[in-house]
Amino acid sequence: MQRDKPFWFNCVKVSIIINLIFIKLTLCQSQLNRTENVTKFHGLSKNITMDISPESKLKLLVEPNNVTDSLLLNSDSENDRRCTERSNLKALYESKKKNYLSLINSDRNRILSQMQTVNEIIDSFSKTLNKKESRVTRSTVSRPKCSISKVKLENLQKEIQSIISNTTSKSEADRKCTLNFDDDNCQNLMKTIQCGLGHIKDGYLEAMSNQGSAKEVAKWKNAFDQLSHKFEKEKDNLIQSLSHEHQLELDKLHKEMQNLGKLLNTALENLEVNTAELCVMEIVQGLITEAVDHFKELRSTTMSVIVKQAYNHHKHSNPDEIDRVINISDFIQRLPQNGKVEAMQTFYKEMKEKEHLNSIRVLILNYTFGKSAISDSKITNEILKFIDPILSSFSDVIAFNRKDSEFNQFLRLKFGNYFNYYSKKIITNACSKQSPDETKRLKNILENIRNFPYYDQVADGISHLNGYIISHNLLENRNTLSLIYYINYFKTKLSASNNTKLIENLVEKLGNELDKLPKQMVNFIVRPNGCKLRNKAYLQYLYADGRFLLWSDIGSDRHNVFLWKWQTATDPAGILEPESKWKFETSNNCETFTLKNVQYNEYLYVSNNWDNIGTTNPKREVFTKQQPDDISQAEWEIVPRNGGQYFTLKNVFKNEYFHADSLDDGVFMGIRFYKDNGRRRVFTLKTGVPTGDLWRASLWEIQC
């Protein structure tokens, strides 16, 4: 028992330690999530407290089970590092904010105490001005008459009211200082100074409310300086009217006024420095609204200084952290236009000095120039030589499916808005890349667009790719069908989500892209469940015959397939319904299709039998069957032709083109045997790509 107890105790300790580690990691991840600050709801991403520009931000398309390690921006260790850094930075910010508020309160209390001292001296001084001087031992002397005139006193009153009115929004009645000319004018002078000081005290308290405003405090500090200057000007007049004893008291008042001015200067300097430091830390953390508010409260600190300090805030954050650069960009965009040029020049200078222009930071810098409506040809020309190689490498990633962690990171920055800014150029360049296999390149581009993380990125990417395909006459490519498929898929998906203005705009945009494409192509993909195939050469429709086959070696579990357009009283159009309707299905995003006859629910497939009777071209027979021996026998590659008006069908199993026979089945070896002449058999061609009349017989119009 004694030997088991330590083992049991150690197991408990291990269990506790593991649980503590798990709790710590959970809290850390929770903190990281709050810092990233995006919550998903009803298909959209919503910003909570962090600041982002008012641009489209939508939920990730990639489902969790489809996200591979190669798509993750950071490894677990990297996330842990970032989590720790952000936690430390937040703790530092909260500590700084606490000290900042403490300093404001301390300065405010000292200033209010000093104002109270000045006020008490003025009160005491005013009470003695109407009294005679008390007798002294050797002589009895009355106080000389005050030499300050009524007109001068009224002018001083107006000047003080003007000082206050230029500083506050209070009404004239609220800022008025009343004069009583029954009293001594010297006493009125001191009351006027005291009244002005009272207004300054009220204004200062308002300016120092909440976290204080350096600009507002500076206004009241300037008002106090002007009031002090007025006091200095009238001091000599007061001295002439006072005894030596009261002159000493006046000197004391003058000294305390000077001390009050020094305290106001110190508080103003403290407020400026600490507000600037908070502004920088808020930028680094992404608290852009708070940062902009604090910057607007600054009196003398420039945008350039703030940008430089934020860019070099390395002590408590990763010096290479891209989020900080994004936050600086957001901060600059939110600032008033005046001063932005200097801030942008500093932004560029810091990147250049740190040799960051050869990274995706230069894309953020250029984006900030564009969004801030700032023109600086010298800088923009300089950074262009860094931008083009990066965008070209991103185009390579899309065109050739190359792995690039920097591309994956940039794709997701700021909800994809940075990538969207360059999307057209990246995708257009990818489409223009030289490649021996154009079909594969376009497929890569389309697949990469489909996997973009945000719906608006997908919509933009589809629009750019579609525009390139149309303008460069690349419709005759099976990837065009995949493009239509994806456009319709995303349009349908968005239409079923929340009906917001942003969603409506994206749905409308995708609908416009479909309208740019040939209707035959769009209808075939969008409404694939009851389509007809009409042969270009013979203008006849494909249908599955209701009779069993005549050849016993093939079997009676399948139907023959013909072309026919034979007008009758019940079928004036010459189309058999529903034997001529086919359902197109794809399980690989339009890479290949199966065609299922609506009447018999059987797949169109190519058999292993071939028939060259009555022709010099070897050909293989085509039937319908519920379950072919090999499903690839029923798979067809469909490619648009003639600008999307017609299509070719090539069997995947045999790599052979589907075509209509030149002879109808009423003729055998040049002799007509059947009265229902005009019906044709269909085959696949065993001699490669058809040409001439055979090519025309291989073109099909798909009517849906």
Foldseek 3Di string as FASTA:
>chain_A
DVVVVVVVVVVVVVVVVVVVVVVVVVVLVVQVCVLVQWDDDQFATDHDQFDFPPDGFTFFPQDPVRDDPLLDLDDPVRSVVQSVLLVQLVVVLVVLLVVLLVLLVVLLVVLVVLLVVLLVLLVVLLVCLQDFDDDDDPDGDGFDAQPQDPVNLVVVQVVLLVLLVVQDVDDSVVLHQDADVVDRVVSRNSSSLNSSSVSLNVQCVVQSPDSHFLVSLVSSLVSLVVSLVVCVVCLVSVVSRDDPVSNVSVVVSNVSSVVSSVSSVVSSVSSQVSLLVSLLSCLQSRSQVSNQVSVVRHDPDALLNSLLCNLPVPPSHPNPDVSSLLSNLVNLLPHDLVRSVNNLVSSLVVCVVVVNLLACSLLSSVVSCVSNVHDDPVSVVVSVVNPVVVLLVLLCCQQVVDRDSSNSVCCPPSSRPSCLVCVLVSLLSNLVDDDPDSLSRLVSNLVVLLNRTGLVSSLSSLQSSLVNCVVVVVQQHLVVLLSLLSLLVSLVVLVPTDPDPVSVVSNVSSVVSLVVADPLSNCCNNPQAWKWKAFQLQRWTKFWDPAADPDPVVHRQWTFIKTWQDADPVRNRSDDPPRRTWGWDDDPSRQKTWTARPVPRWTWFWDPDWDQFPHPFIWTGIITHNDDPDCLRRIWRWTAPPRNQWIWTARRVLRFTKFWDPAWPLDGPRHGNDPSTPMTGITTTNPPQDDDSRNSRRIIGMGD
